[in-house]
PDB file of N, CA and C in Angstrom:
ATOM      1  N   MET A   1       6.753   0.922  18.356  1.00  0.00           N
ATOM      2  CA  MET A   1       7.441  -0.316  17.322  1.00  0.00           C
ATOM      3  C   MET A   1       6.537  -0.116  16.153  1.00  0.00           C
ATOM      4  N   PHE A   2       5.666  -0.069  15.940  1.00  0.00           N
ATOM      5  CA  PHE A   2       4.297   0.081  14.973  1.00  0.00           C
ATOM      6  C   PHE A   2       4.313   1.509  14.853  1.00  0.00           C
ATOM      7  N   LYS A   3       4.176   2.146  13.405  1.00  0.00           N
ATOM      8  CA  LYS A   3       3.662   3.620  13.314  1.00  0.00           C
ATOM      9  C   LYS A   3       2.071   3.696  13.146  1.00  0.00           C
ATOM     10  N   GLU A   4       1.652   5.332  13.552  1.00  0.00           N
ATOM     11  CA  GLU A   4       0.568   5.002  12.881  1.00  0.00           C
ATOM     12  C   GLU A   4       0.385   4.731  11.394  1.00  0.00           C
ATOM     13  N   LEU A   5      -0.364   4.268  10.985  1.00  0.00           N
ATOM     14  CA  LEU A   5      -0.971   4.021   9.719  1.00  0.00           C
ATOM     15  C   LEU A   5      -1.757   5.211   8.722  1.00  0.00           C
ATOM     16  N   MET A   6      -1.241   5.724   7.697  1.00  0.00           N
ATOM     17  CA  MET A   6      -2.197   6.884   7.330  1.00  0.00           C
ATOM     18  C   MET A   6      -2.904   6.504   5.619  1.00  0.00           C
ATOM     19  N   ASN A   7      -3.835   7.367   5.370  1.00  0.00           N
ATOM     20  CA  ASN A   7      -4.633   6.823   4.594  1.00  0.00           C
ATOM     21  C   ASN A   7      -3.980   6.580   3.330  1.00  0.00           C
ATOM     22  N   LYS A   8      -3.395   7.407   2.420  1.00  0.00           N
ATOM     23  CA  LYS A   8      -2.466   7.658   1.605  1.00  0.00           C
ATOM     24  C   LYS A   8      -1.541   7.278   1.416  1.00  0.00           C
ATOM     25  N   ILE A   9      -0.376   6.745   0.399  1.00  0.00           N
ATOM     26  CA  ILE A   9       0.479   6.316  -0.288  1.00  0.00           C
ATOM     27  C   ILE A   9       1.290   7.714  -0.015  1.00  0.00           C
ATOM     28  N   SER A  10       0.892   8.755  -0.694  1.00  0.00           N
ATOM     29  CA  SER A  10       1.536  10.376   0.027  1.00  0.00           C
ATOM     30  C   SER A  10       1.547  10.965   1.209  1.00  0.00           C
ATOM     31  N   GLN A  11       1.102  10.481   1.943  1.00  0.00           N
ATOM     32  CA  GLN A  11       1.130  10.861   3.014  1.00  0.00           C
ATOM     33  C   GLN A  11       2.081  10.317   4.488  1.00  0.00           C
ATOM     34  N   LEU A  12       3.010   9.322   3.806  1.00  0.00           N
ATOM     35  CA  LEU A  12       3.502   8.516   3.836  1.00  0.00           C
ATOM     36  C   LEU A  12       5.081   8.711   4.143  1.00  0.00           C
ATOM     37  N   CYS A  13       6.135   8.536   4.659  1.00  0.00           N
ATOM     38  CA  CYS A  13       7.150   9.506   4.933  1.00  0.00           C
ATOM     39  C   CYS A  13       8.093   8.911   3.353  1.00  0.00           C
ATOM     40  N   PRO A  14       8.773   9.735   3.066  1.00  0.00           N
ATOM     41  CA  PRO A  14       9.829  10.019   2.024  1.00  0.00           C
ATOM     42  C   PRO A  14      10.335   8.084   1.440  1.00  0.00           C
ATOM     43  N   THR A  15      11.005   7.883   2.642  1.00  0.00           N
ATOM     44  CA  THR A  15      11.124   6.226   2.339  1.00  0.00           C
ATOM     45  C   THR A  15      10.347   5.013   1.715  1.00  0.00           C
ATOM     46  N   GLU A  16       9.046   5.359   3.015  1.00  0.00           N
ATOM     47  CA  GLU A  16       8.639   4.310   2.291  1.00  0.00           C
ATOM     48  C   GLU A  16       7.203   4.767   0.948  1.00  0.00           C
ATOM     49  N   GLN A  17       7.035   5.615   0.806  1.00  0.00           N
ATOM     50  CA  GLN A  17       6.190   6.007  -0.478  1.00  0.00           C
ATOM     51  C   GLN A  17       7.223   5.562  -1.741  1.00  0.00           C
ATOM     52  N   LYS A  18       8.352   5.552  -1.781  1.00  0.00           N
ATOM     53  CA  LYS A  18       9.436   5.103  -2.684  1.00  0.00           C
ATOM     54  C   LYS A  18       9.416   3.558  -2.848  1.00  0.00           C
ATOM     55  N   ALA A  19       9.483   2.611  -1.844  1.00  0.00           N
ATOM     56  CA  ALA A  19       9.032   1.438  -1.475  1.00  0.00           C
ATOM     57  C   ALA A  19       7.877   0.762  -1.925  1.00  0.00           C
ATOM     58  N   TRP A  20       7.055   2.116  -1.622  1.00  0.00           N
ATOM     59  CA  TRP A  20       5.788   1.222  -2.345  1.00  0.00           C
ATOM     60  C   TRP A  20       5.907   1.888  -4.401  1.00  0.00           C
ATOM     61  N   HIS A  21       6.268   2.916  -4.505  1.00  0.00           N
ATOM     62  CA  HIS A  21       6.241   3.527  -5.799  1.00  0.00           C
ATOM     63  C   HIS A  21       6.940   1.678  -6.500  1.00  0.00           C
ATOM     64  N   ASP A  22       8.283   1.545  -6.192  1.00  0.00           N
ATOM     65  CA  ASP A  22       9.812   0.821  -6.374  1.00  0.00           C
ATOM     66  C   ASP A  22       8.268  -0.514  -6.748  1.00  0.00           C
ATOM     67  N   SER A  23       7.599  -0.578  -5.699  1.00  0.00           N
ATOM     68  CA  SER A  23       6.632  -1.854  -5.991  1.00  0.00           C
ATOM     69  C   SER A  23       5.500  -1.967  -6.409  1.00  0.00           C
ATOM     70  N   MET A  24       5.100  -0.905  -6.737  1.00  0.00           N
ATOM     71  CA  MET A  24       4.339  -0.265  -8.274  1.00  0.00           C
ATOM     72  C   MET A  24       5.026  -0.850  -9.686  1.00  0.00           C
ATOM     73  N   LEU A  25       5.882  -0.611  -9.208  1.00  0.00           N
ATOM     74  CA  LEU A  25       6.573  -0.510 -10.978  1.00  0.00           C
ATOM     75  C   LEU A  25       6.607  -1.803 -11.356  1.00  0.00           C
ATOM     76  N   ASP A  26       6.171  -3.318 -10.751  1.00  0.00           N
ATOM     77  CA  ASP A  26       6.549  -4.279 -11.429  1.00  0.00           C
ATOM     78  C   ASP A  26       5.158  -4.677 -11.567  1.00  0.00           C
ATOM     79  N   HIS A  27       4.206  -4.167 -11.573  1.00  0.00           N
ATOM     80  CA  HIS A  27       2.806  -4.590 -11.659  1.00  0.00           C
ATOM     81  C   HIS A  27       1.660  -3.696 -12.536  1.00  0.00           C
ATOM     82  N   CYS A  28       0.739  -4.022 -13.257  1.00  0.00           N
ATOM     83  CA  CYS A  28      -0.362  -3.414 -14.055  1.00  0.00           C
ATOM     84  C   CYS A  28      -0.972  -2.607 -13.519  1.00  0.00           C
ATOM     85  N   TYR A  29      -0.986  -2.006 -11.821  1.00  0.00           N
ATOM     86  CA  TYR A  29      -2.428  -1.567 -11.195  1.00  0.00           C
ATOM     87  C   TYR A  29      -1.735   0.007 -11.051  1.00  0.00           C
ATOM     88  N   ASP A  30      -2.948   0.905 -11.160  1.00  0.00           N
ATOM     89  CA  ASP A  30      -2.312   2.073 -11.102  1.00  0.00           C
ATOM     90  C   ASP A  30      -2.160   3.069  -9.381  1.00  0.00           C
ATOM     91  N   ILE A  31      -1.763   3.841  -9.172  1.00  0.00           N
ATOM     92  CA  ILE A  31      -1.499   4.313  -7.657  1.00  0.00           C
ATOM     93  C   ILE A  31      -2.928   4.268  -7.222  1.00  0.00           C
ATOM     94  N   LYS A  32      -4.168   4.658  -7.633  1.00  0.00           N
ATOM     95  CA  LYS A  32      -5.285   4.590  -6.872  1.00  0.00           C
ATOM     96  C   LYS A  32      -5.544   2.877  -6.074  1.00  0.00           C
ATOM     97  N   ASP A  33      -5.160   2.151  -7.614  1.00  0.00           N
ATOM     98  CA  ASP A  33      -5.530   0.420  -6.802  1.00  0.00           C
ATOM     99  C   ASP A  33      -4.719   0.524  -5.948  1.00  0.00           C
ATOM    100  N   TRP A  34      -3.514   0.650  -6.029  1.00  0.00           N
ATOM    101  CA  TRP A  34      -2.621  -0.013  -4.774  1.00  0.00           C
ATOM    102  C   TRP A  34      -3.201   0.679  -3.330  1.00  0.00           C
ATOM    103  N   GLU A  35      -3.694   2.362  -3.323  1.00  0.00           N
ATOM    104  CA  GLU A  35      -4.044   2.648  -1.885  1.00  0.00           C
ATOM    105  C   GLU A  35      -5.260   2.385  -1.584  1.00  0.00           C
ATOM    106  N   ASP A  36      -6.222   1.784  -2.258  1.00  0.00           N
ATOM    107  CA  ASP A  36      -7.814   1.428  -2.043  1.00  0.00           C
ATOM    108  C   ASP A  36      -7.368  -0.575  -1.844  1.00  0.00           C
ATOM    109  N   ALA A  37      -6.409  -0.550  -2.393  1.00  0.00           N
ATOM    110  CA  ALA A  37      -6.093  -2.033  -1.740  1.00  0.00           C
ATOM    111  C   ALA A  37      -5.287  -2.047  -0.670  1.00  0.00           C
ATOM    112  N   ARG A  38      -4.201  -1.358   0.151  1.00  0.00           N
ATOM    113  CA  ARG A  38      -3.800  -1.057   1.234  1.00  0.00           C
ATOM    114  C   ARG A  38      -4.585  -0.750   2.071  1.00  0.00           C
ATOM    115  N   SER A  39      -5.602   0.381   1.675  1.00  0.00           N
ATOM    116  CA  SER A  39      -6.968   0.687   2.865  1.00  0.00           C
ATOM    117  C   SER A  39      -7.602  -0.799   2.670  1.00  0.00           C
ATOM    118  N   THR A  40      -7.991  -1.479   2.370  1.00  0.00           N
ATOM    119  CA  THR A  40      -8.615  -2.729   2.075  1.00  0.00           C
ATOM    120  C   THR A  40      -8.036  -3.091   3.532  1.00  0.00           C
ATOM    121  N   LEU A  41      -6.818  -3.740   3.779  1.00  0.00           N
ATOM    122  CA  LEU A  41      -5.996  -5.051   4.186  1.00  0.00           C
ATOM    123  C   LEU A  41      -5.970  -3.921   5.718  1.00  0.00           C
ATOM    124  N   ILE A  42      -5.893  -2.904   5.314  1.00  0.00           N
ATOM    125  CA  ILE A  42      -5.575  -2.134   7.123  1.00  0.00           C
ATOM    126  C   ILE A  42      -6.995  -2.110   7.676  1.00  0.00           C
ATOM    127  N   ASN A  43      -8.354  -1.870   7.024  1.00  0.00           N
ATOM    128  CA  ASN A  43      -9.641  -2.574   7.453  1.00  0.00           C
ATOM    129  C   ASN A  43      -9.779  -3.357   7.588  1.00  0.00           C
ATOM    130  N   LEU A  44      -9.313  -4.536   7.095  1.00  0.00           N
ATOM    131  CA  LEU A  44      -9.299  -6.252   7.510  1.00  0.00           C
ATOM    132  C   LEU A  44      -8.797  -6.065   8.487  1.00  0.00           C
ATOM    133  N   LEU A  45      -7.598  -5.803   8.825  1.00  0.00           N
ATOM    134  CA  LEU A  45      -6.948  -5.860   9.898  1.00  0.00           C
ATOM    135  C   LEU A  45      -7.570  -5.094  11.385  1.00  0.00           C
ATOM    136  N   THR A  46      -8.181  -4.208  10.957  1.00  0.00           N
ATOM    137  CA  THR A  46      -8.600  -2.862  12.170  1.00  0.00           C
ATOM    138  C   THR A  46     -10.041  -3.885  12.844  1.00  0.00           C
ATOM    139  N   ILE A  47     -10.582  -5.150  11.630  1.00  0.00           N
ATOM    140  CA  ILE A  47     -11.585  -5.590  11.942  1.00  0.00           C
ATOM    141  C   ILE A  47     -10.955  -6.867  13.187  1.00  0.00           C
ATOM    142  N   GLU A  48     -10.429  -7.015  12.895  1.00  0.00           N
ATOM    143  CA  GLU A  48      -9.884  -8.237  13.819  1.00  0.00           C
ATOM    144  C   GLU A  48      -8.656  -7.904  14.865  1.00  0.00           C
ATOM    145  N   ASN A  49      -8.755  -6.582  14.921  1.00  0.00           N
ATOM    146  CA  ASN A  49      -8.251  -5.745  16.323  1.00  0.00           C
ATOM    147  C   ASN A  49      -6.624  -6.424  16.235  1.00  0.00           C
ATOM    148  N   ARG A  50      -5.662  -6.243  14.477  1.00  0.00           N
ATOM    149  CA  ARG A  50      -4.716  -6.239  15.055  1.00  0.00           C
ATOM    150  C   ARG A  50      -4.364  -5.353  13.914  1.00  0.00           C
ATOM    151  N   GLN A  51      -2.876  -5.166  13.651  1.00  0.00           N
ATOM    152  CA  GLN A  51      -1.822  -4.062  13.007  1.00  0.00           C
ATOM    153  C   GLN A  51      -1.194  -4.647  12.550  1.00  0.00           C
ATOM    154  N   ALA A  52       0.024  -4.001  11.738  1.00  0.00           N
ATOM    155  CA  ALA A  52       1.223  -4.798  11.020  1.00  0.00           C
ATOM    156  C   ALA A  52       2.136  -2.882  10.567  1.00  0.00           C
ATOM    157  N   GLU A  53       3.219  -3.410  10.195  1.00  0.00           N
ATOM    158  CA  GLU A  53       4.329  -2.586   9.973  1.00  0.00           C
ATOM    159  C   GLU A  53       4.181  -2.161   8.343  1.00  0.00           C
ATOM    160  N   GLU A  54       4.074  -1.422   8.478  1.00  0.00           N
ATOM    161  CA  GLU A  54       3.871  -0.612   6.746  1.00  0.00           C
ATOM    162  C   GLU A  54       4.545  -1.880   5.577  1.00  0.00           C
ATOM    163  N   LYS A  55       5.682  -2.206   6.055  1.00  0.00           N
ATOM    164  CA  LYS A  55       6.805  -3.025   5.040  1.00  0.00           C
ATOM    165  C   LYS A  55       6.039  -4.497   5.273  1.00  0.00           C
ATOM    166  N   SER A  56       5.557  -5.227   6.196  1.00  0.00           N
ATOM    167  CA  SER A  56       4.519  -6.232   6.133  1.00  0.00           C
ATOM    168  C   SER A  56       3.211  -5.761   5.168  1.00  0.00           C
ATOM    169  N   ILE A  57       2.573  -5.029   5.313  1.00  0.00           N
ATOM    170  CA  ILE A  57       1.452  -4.244   4.178  1.00  0.00           C
ATOM    171  C   ILE A  57       1.520  -4.052   2.778  1.00  0.00           C
ATOM    172  N   ARG A  58       2.581  -3.590   2.802  1.00  0.00           N
ATOM    173  CA  ARG A  58       3.454  -3.373   1.279  1.00  0.00           C
ATOM    174  C   ARG A  58       3.401  -4.576   0.603  1.00  0.00           C
ATOM    175  N   SER A  59       4.349  -5.922   1.915  1.00  0.00           N
ATOM    176  CA  SER A  59       4.672  -6.820   0.392  1.00  0.00           C
ATOM    177  C   SER A  59       3.567  -7.500   0.545  1.00  0.00           C
ATOM    178  N   TYR A  60       2.485  -7.742   1.618  1.00  0.00           N
ATOM    179  CA  TYR A  60       1.156  -8.588   1.266  1.00  0.00           C
ATOM    180  C   TYR A  60       0.384  -8.074  -0.061  1.00  0.00           C
ATOM    181  N   VAL A  61       0.292  -6.409   0.237  1.00  0.00           N
ATOM    182  CA  VAL A  61      -0.417  -5.882  -1.184  1.00  0.00           C
ATOM    183  C   VAL A  61       0.634  -6.699  -2.340  1.00  0.00           C
ATOM    184  N   SER A  62       1.765  -6.219  -2.186  1.00  0.00           N
ATOM    185  CA  SER A  62       2.487  -7.046  -3.716  1.00  0.00           C
ATOM    186  C   SER A  62       2.882  -8.260  -4.243  1.00  0.00           C
ATOM    187  N   CYS A  63       2.010  -8.682  -3.000  1.00  0.00           N
ATOM    188  CA  CYS A  63       2.118 -10.633  -3.023  1.00  0.00           C
ATOM    189  C   CYS A  63       0.791 -10.408  -3.548  1.00  0.00           C
ATOM    190  N   CYS A  64      -0.106  -9.991  -3.418  1.00  0.00           N
ATOM    191  CA  CYS A  64      -1.496 -10.407  -4.273  1.00  0.00           C
ATOM    192  C   CYS A  64      -0.885  -9.955  -5.940  1.00  0.00           C
ATOM    193  N   ALA A  65      -0.530  -8.808  -5.775  1.00  0.00           N
ATOM    194  CA  ALA A  65      -0.392  -8.099  -7.064  1.00  0.00           C
ATOM    195  C   ALA A  65       0.168  -9.079  -8.018  1.00  0.00           C
ATOM    196  N   GLU A  66       1.233 -10.076  -7.223  1.00  0.00           N
ATOM    197  CA  GLU A  66       2.173 -10.909  -8.100  1.00  0.00           C
ATOM    198  C   GLU A  66       1.335 -12.026  -8.255  1.00  0.00           C
ATOM    199  N   ALA A  67       0.844 -12.757  -7.737  1.00  0.00           N
ATOM    200  CA  ALA A  67       0.010 -13.542  -7.545  1.00  0.00           C
ATOM    201  C   ALA A  67      -1.144 -13.913  -8.618  1.00  0.00           C
ATOM    202  N   VAL A  68      -1.950 -12.611  -9.104  1.00  0.00           N
ATOM    203  CA  VAL A  68      -2.728 -12.630  -9.849  1.00  0.00           C
ATOM    204  C   VAL A  68      -2.397 -11.688 -11.470  1.00  0.00           C
ATOM    205  N   SER A  69      -1.513 -11.689 -11.211  1.00  0.00           N
ATOM    206  CA  SER A  69      -0.668 -11.037 -12.069  1.00  0.00           C
ATOM    207  C   SER A  69      -0.679 -11.191 -13.932  1.00  0.00           C
ATOM    208  N   GLY A  70      -0.726 -12.797 -13.629  1.00  0.00           N
ATOM    209  CA  GLY A  70      -1.189 -13.879 -15.255  1.00  0.00           C
ATOM    210  C   GLY A  70      -2.712 -13.952 -15.558  1.00  0.00           C
ATOM    211  N   SER A  71      -3.368 -12.912 -14.532  1.00  0.00           N
ATOM    212  CA  SER A  71      -4.955 -13.300 -15.179  1.00  0.00           C
ATOM    213  C   SER A  71      -5.450 -12.240 -16.087  1.00  0.00           C
ATOM    214  N   LEU A  72      -6.334 -12.747 -16.973  1.00  0.00           N
ATOM    215  CA  LEU A  72      -6.867 -11.494 -17.820  1.00  0.00           C
ATOM    216  C   LEU A  72      -8.091 -12.115 -17.786  1.00  0.00           C
ATOM    217  N   PRO A  73      -9.340 -11.098 -17.701  1.00  0.00           N
ATOM    218  CA  PRO A  73      -9.331  -9.845 -17.510  1.00  0.00           C
ATOM    219  C   PRO A  73      -8.309  -9.596 -15.833  1.00  0.00           C
ATOM    220  N   LEU A  74      -7.102  -8.365 -15.453  1.00  0.00           N
ATOM    221  CA  LEU A  74      -7.008  -8.530 -14.313  1.00  0.00           C
ATOM    222  C   LEU A  74      -7.869  -8.182 -13.135  1.00  0.00           C
ATOM    223  N   PRO A  75      -7.580  -8.876 -12.084  1.00  0.00           N
ATOM    224  CA  PRO A  75      -9.136  -8.578 -10.805  1.00  0.00           C
ATOM    225  C   PRO A  75      -8.509  -7.257 -10.597  1.00  0.00           C
ATOM    226  N   GLU A  76      -9.953  -7.062 -10.035  1.00  0.00           N
ATOM    227  CA  GLU A  76      -9.796  -5.736  -8.901  1.00  0.00           C
ATOM    228  C   GLU A  76      -8.435  -5.969  -7.465  1.00  0.00           C
ATOM    229  N   LEU A  77      -7.450  -5.034  -7.712  1.00  0.00           N
ATOM    230  CA  LEU A  77      -6.333  -5.164  -6.305  1.00  0.00           C
ATOM    231  C   LEU A  77      -7.002  -5.954  -5.307  1.00  0.00           C
ATOM    232  N   SER A  78      -8.026  -4.624  -4.953  1.00  0.00           N
ATOM    233  CA  SER A  78      -8.870  -4.780  -3.476  1.00  0.00           C
ATOM    234  C   SER A  78      -9.394  -5.863  -2.904  1.00  0.00           C
ATOM    235  N   ALA A  79     -10.119  -6.381  -4.134  1.00  0.00           N
ATOM    236  CA  ALA A  79     -10.781  -7.830  -4.008  1.00  0.00           C
ATOM    237  C   ALA A  79      -9.584  -8.878  -3.810  1.00  0.00           C
ATOM    238  N   THR A  80      -8.767  -9.066  -4.781  1.00  0.00           N
ATOM    239  CA  THR A  80      -7.814 -10.026  -4.135  1.00  0.00           C
ATOM    240  C   THR A  80      -7.067  -9.846  -3.048  1.00  0.00           C
ATOM    241  N   VAL A  81      -6.976  -8.860  -2.313  1.00  0.00           N
ATOM    242  CA  VAL A  81      -6.285  -8.862  -1.081  1.00  0.00           C
ATOM    243  C   VAL A  81      -7.674  -9.123  -0.009  1.00  0.00           C
ATOM    244  N   GLU A  82      -8.738  -8.707  -0.036  1.00  0.00           N
ATOM    245  CA  GLU A  82     -10.157  -9.198   0.794  1.00  0.00           C
ATOM    246  C   GLU A  82      -9.988 -11.190   0.567  1.00  0.00           C
ATOM    247  N   ASP A  83      -9.776 -11.173  -0.849  1.00  0.00           N
ATOM    248  CA  ASP A  83     -10.098 -13.073  -0.641  1.00  0.00           C
ATOM    249  C   ASP A  83      -8.849 -13.532  -0.147  1.00  0.00           C
ATOM    250  N   PHE A  84      -7.743 -12.946  -0.304  1.00  0.00           N
ATOM    251  CA  PHE A  84      -6.649 -13.811  -0.179  1.00  0.00           C
ATOM    252  C   PHE A  84      -6.663 -13.874   1.639  1.00  0.00           C
ATOM    253  N   PHE A  85      -6.685 -12.692   2.118  1.00  0.00           N
ATOM    254  CA  PHE A  85      -7.022 -12.322   3.740  1.00  0.00           C
ATOM    255  C   PHE A  85      -7.884 -13.307   4.351  1.00  0.00           C
ATOM    256  N   ALA A  86      -9.324 -13.372   3.548  1.00  0.00           N
ATOM    257  CA  ALA A  86     -10.421 -14.428   3.804  1.00  0.00           C
ATOM    258  C   ALA A  86      -9.628 -16.130   3.757  1.00  0.00           C
ATOM    259  N   ARG A  87      -8.977 -16.161   2.922  1.00  0.00           N
ATOM    260  CA  ARG A  87      -8.349 -17.877   3.264  1.00  0.00           C
ATOM    261  C   ARG A  87      -7.219 -17.806   3.574  1.00  0.00           C
ATOM    262  N   TYR A  88      -5.932 -16.977   3.528  1.00  0.00           N
ATOM    263  CA  TYR A  88      -5.271 -17.736   4.111  1.00  0.00           C
ATOM    264  C   TYR A  88      -4.994 -16.244   5.699  1.00  0.00           C
ATOM    265  N   GLY A  89      -5.420 -15.003   5.909  1.00  0.00           N
ATOM    266  CA  GLY A  89      -5.029 -14.480   6.665  1.00  0.00           C
ATOM    267  C   GLY A  89      -4.066 -13.550   6.864  1.00  0.00           C
ATOM    268  N   MET A  90      -3.316 -13.224   7.902  1.00  0.00           N
ATOM    269  CA  MET A  90      -2.015 -12.456   7.369  1.00  0.00           C
ATOM    270  C   MET A  90      -0.881 -12.683   8.517  1.00  0.00           C
ATOM    271  N   GLU A  91       0.041 -13.287   8.322  1.00  0.00           N
ATOM    272  CA  GLU A  91       1.395 -13.218   9.297  1.00  0.00           C
ATOM    273  C   GLU A  91       1.645 -11.980   9.741  1.00  0.00           C
ATOM    274  N   ASP A  92       2.433 -11.664  10.487  1.00  0.00           N
ATOM    275  CA  ASP A  92       3.177 -10.266  10.932  1.00  0.00           C
ATOM    276  C   ASP A  92       2.714  -9.751  11.232  1.00  0.00           C
ATOM    277  N   THR A  93       1.824  -9.680  12.496  1.00  0.00           N
ATOM    278  CA  THR A  93       0.443  -8.696  12.810  1.00  0.00           C
ATOM    279  C   THR A  93       0.644  -8.946  14.326  1.00  0.00           C
ATOM    280  N   ILE A  94       0.053  -7.961  15.001  1.00  0.00           N
ATOM    281  CA  ILE A  94       0.264  -7.891  16.351  1.00  0.00           C
ATOM    282  C   ILE A  94      -1.429  -7.413  16.599  1.00  0.00           C
ATOM    283  N   PRO A  95      -1.279  -7.433  18.078  1.00  0.00           N
ATOM    284  CA  PRO A  95      -2.639  -7.048  18.815  1.00  0.00           C
ATOM    285  C   PRO A  95      -2.835  -5.428  18.800  1.00  0.00           C
ATOM    286  N   GLU A  96      -4.146  -4.554  18.643  1.00  0.00           N
ATOM    287  CA  GLU A  96      -4.174  -3.223  18.123  1.00  0.00           C
ATOM    288  C   GLU A  96      -4.056  -2.785  19.701  1.00  0.00           C
ATOM    289  N   VAL A  97      -2.873  -1.841  20.142  1.00  0.00           N
ATOM    290  CA  VAL A  97      -2.934  -1.585  21.523  1.00  0.00           C
ATOM    291  C   VAL A  97      -4.032  -0.625  22.129  1.00  0.00           C
TER     292      VAL A  97
END
């Protein structure tokens, strides 16, 4: 059900890459910021022995980017992901097998 998560967005299947790039267009972060935030979230899930589908990971990171989009200066996206995860956790996860 859950596929293995790759480290870089460019290593994902073309459909997932497009979905990520479509999300990126709506926010002022570059691809490195998105990849770092994605890796941060995957690491946080791994620490808790959890995993999530790529769509859920993308949605979570996009939500974090949206939440701080009006902030100046714009905070690091990875730091925002860490903060949100510490405060709210993440739904739509399952235990790692």
